[in-house]
Amino acid sequence: VPCISNLCSDPFWGVRKSCAEVIHPVAQVCSKESRWNILSPCLIQLLQDQSRWVKTAALRVLGYFISTFAQSNEDKKSNSTKI
């Protein structure tokens, strides 16, 4: 995951666009802490990129990325049984 952080700052816009396109699949296999501390700042950076192609790619995955923070149904069930 740290390599994505470096690649999001690559001088070539195509590399940054590719980072935006793979950030959701990477987020699906990362811990919530990695998503919050590493991938979220990367996506914010990509959303503010100078290249419209990078921004567009980042905007396309934004909702999918946000959904990785939602609790799964099993997490919700275990939380409700604790109440």
C-alpha atoms as a PDB file:
ATOM      1  CA  VAL A   1       0.000   0.000   0.000  1.00  0.00           C
ATOM      2  CA  PRO A   2       2.809   2.523   0.666  1.00  0.00           C
ATOM      3  CA  CYS A   3       3.911   2.241  -2.978  1.00  0.00           C
ATOM      4  CA  ILE A   4       0.498   3.574  -4.071  1.00  0.00           C
ATOM      5  CA  SER A   5       1.183   6.652  -1.986  1.00  0.00           C
ATOM      6  CA  ASN A   6       4.374   7.267  -3.974  1.00  0.00           C
ATOM      7  CA  LEU A   7       2.762   6.530  -7.327  1.00  0.00           C
ATOM      8  CA  CYS A   8      -0.053   9.005  -6.646  1.00  0.00           C
ATOM      9  CA  SER A   9       2.601  11.727  -6.845  1.00  0.00           C
ATOM     10  CA  ASP A  10       4.215  10.466 -10.045  1.00  0.00           C
ATOM     11  CA  PRO A  11       4.968  13.239 -12.558  1.00  0.00           C
ATOM     12  CA  PHE A  12       3.208  11.330 -15.369  1.00  0.00           C
ATOM     13  CA  TRP A  13      -0.577  11.770 -15.280  1.00  0.00           C
ATOM     14  CA  GLY A  14      -1.146   8.270 -16.687  1.00  0.00           C
ATOM     15  CA  VAL A  15       0.443   6.697 -13.627  1.00  0.00           C
ATOM     16  CA  ARG A  16      -1.686   8.829 -11.298  1.00  0.00           C
ATOM     17  CA  LYS A  17      -4.810   7.921 -13.303  1.00  0.00           C
ATOM     18  CA  SER A  18      -3.944   4.236 -12.954  1.00  0.00           C
ATOM     19  CA  CYS A  19      -3.628   4.707  -9.192  1.00  0.00           C
ATOM     20  CA  ALA A  20      -7.119   6.157  -9.109  1.00  0.00           C
ATOM     21  CA  GLU A  21      -8.447   3.200 -11.084  1.00  0.00           C
ATOM     22  CA  VAL A  22      -6.977   0.578  -8.725  1.00  0.00           C
ATOM     23  CA  ILE A  23      -7.544   2.315  -5.401  1.00  0.00           C
ATOM     24  CA  HIS A  24     -10.948   0.661  -4.846  1.00  0.00           C
ATOM     25  CA  PRO A  25      -9.770  -2.938  -5.418  1.00  0.00           C
ATOM     26  CA  VAL A  26      -6.777  -2.255  -3.176  1.00  0.00           C
ATOM     27  CA  ALA A  27      -9.079  -0.784  -0.518  1.00  0.00           C
ATOM     28  CA  GLN A  28     -11.188  -3.940  -0.555  1.00  0.00           C
ATOM     29  CA  VAL A  29      -8.250  -6.044   0.643  1.00  0.00           C
ATOM     30  CA  CYS A  30      -6.692  -3.543   3.070  1.00  0.00           C
ATOM     31  CA  SER A  31      -7.392  -2.978   6.712  1.00  0.00           C
ATOM     32  CA  LYS A  32      -9.697  -0.133   7.665  1.00  0.00           C
ATOM     33  CA  GLU A  33      -6.701   1.654   9.191  1.00  0.00           C
ATOM     34  CA  SER A  34      -4.767   1.475   5.907  1.00  0.00           C
ATOM     35  CA  ARG A  35      -7.796   2.755   4.022  1.00  0.00           C
ATOM     36  CA  TRP A  36      -8.176   5.646   6.425  1.00  0.00           C
ATOM     37  CA  ASN A  37      -4.507   6.572   6.926  1.00  0.00           C
ATOM     38  CA  ILE A  38      -2.964   5.820   3.525  1.00  0.00           C
ATOM     39  CA  LEU A  39      -5.553   5.402   0.779  1.00  0.00           C
ATOM     40  CA  SER A  40      -7.936   8.202   1.784  1.00  0.00           C
ATOM     41  CA  PRO A  41      -5.246  10.913   1.586  1.00  0.00           C
ATOM     42  CA  CYS A  42      -4.141   9.445  -1.753  1.00  0.00           C
ATOM     43  CA  LEU A  43      -7.656   9.618  -3.168  1.00  0.00           C
ATOM     44  CA  ILE A  44      -8.111  13.177  -1.896  1.00  0.00           C
ATOM     45  CA  GLN A  45      -4.866  14.108  -3.624  1.00  0.00           C
ATOM     46  CA  LEU A  46      -6.045  12.470  -6.859  1.00  0.00           C
ATOM     47  CA  LEU A  47      -9.386  14.287  -6.663  1.00  0.00           C
ATOM     48  CA  GLN A  48      -7.456  17.572  -6.575  1.00  0.00           C
ATOM     49  CA  ASP A  49      -5.040  16.654  -9.379  1.00  0.00           C
ATOM     50  CA  GLN A  50      -4.287  19.128 -12.160  1.00  0.00           C
ATOM     51  CA  SER A  51      -5.087  16.578 -14.853  1.00  0.00           C
ATOM     52  CA  ARG A  52      -8.763  16.299 -15.691  1.00  0.00           C
ATOM     53  CA  TRP A  53      -8.200  12.632 -16.617  1.00  0.00           C
ATOM     54  CA  VAL A  54      -6.884  11.849 -13.147  1.00  0.00           C
ATOM     55  CA  LYS A  55      -9.705  13.794 -11.470  1.00  0.00           C
ATOM     56  CA  THR A  56     -12.312  12.028 -13.596  1.00  0.00           C
ATOM     57  CA  ALA A  57     -10.886   8.600 -12.750  1.00  0.00           C
ATOM     58  CA  ALA A  58     -10.833   9.498  -9.046  1.00  0.00           C
ATOM     59  CA  LEU A  59     -14.420  10.753  -9.147  1.00  0.00           C
ATOM     60  CA  ARG A  60     -15.559   7.521 -10.801  1.00  0.00           C
ATOM     61  CA  VAL A  61     -14.261   5.393  -7.928  1.00  0.00           C
ATOM     62  CA  LEU A  62     -15.155   7.744  -5.078  1.00  0.00           C
ATOM     63  CA  GLY A  63     -18.478   6.108  -4.188  1.00  0.00           C
ATOM     64  CA  TYR A  64     -17.049   2.612  -4.410  1.00  0.00           C
ATOM     65  CA  PHE A  65     -14.136   3.663  -2.203  1.00  0.00           C
ATOM     66  CA  ILE A  66     -16.459   5.207   0.390  1.00  0.00           C
ATOM     67  CA  SER A  67     -18.483   1.991   0.450  1.00  0.00           C
ATOM     68  CA  THR A  68     -15.432   0.084   1.722  1.00  0.00           C
ATOM     69  CA  PHE A  69     -15.886   1.881   5.053  1.00  0.00           C
ATOM     70  CA  ALA A  70     -19.446   0.609   5.538  1.00  0.00           C
ATOM     71  CA  GLN A  71     -20.030  -2.111   8.072  1.00  0.00           C
ATOM     72  CA  SER A  72     -20.799  -5.517   6.671  1.00  0.00           C
ATOM     73  CA  ASN A  73     -24.084  -7.184   7.642  1.00  0.00           C
ATOM     74  CA  GLU A  74     -22.254  -9.549   9.995  1.00  0.00           C
ATOM     75  CA  ASP A  75     -20.563  -6.610  11.759  1.00  0.00           C
ATOM     76  CA  LYS A  76     -23.965  -4.979  12.245  1.00  0.00           C
ATOM     77  CA  LYS A  77     -25.441  -8.199  13.659  1.00  0.00           C
ATOM     78  CA  SER A  78     -22.615  -8.648  16.152  1.00  0.00           C
ATOM     79  CA  ASN A  79     -22.922  -5.022  17.268  1.00  0.00           C
ATOM     80  CA  SER A  80     -26.698  -5.296  17.742  1.00  0.00           C
ATOM     81  CA  THR A  81     -26.367  -8.438  19.868  1.00  0.00           C
ATOM     82  CA  LYS A  82     -24.005  -6.599  22.217  1.00  0.00           C
ATOM     83  CA  ILE A  83     -26.628  -3.955  23.026  1.00  0.00           C
END
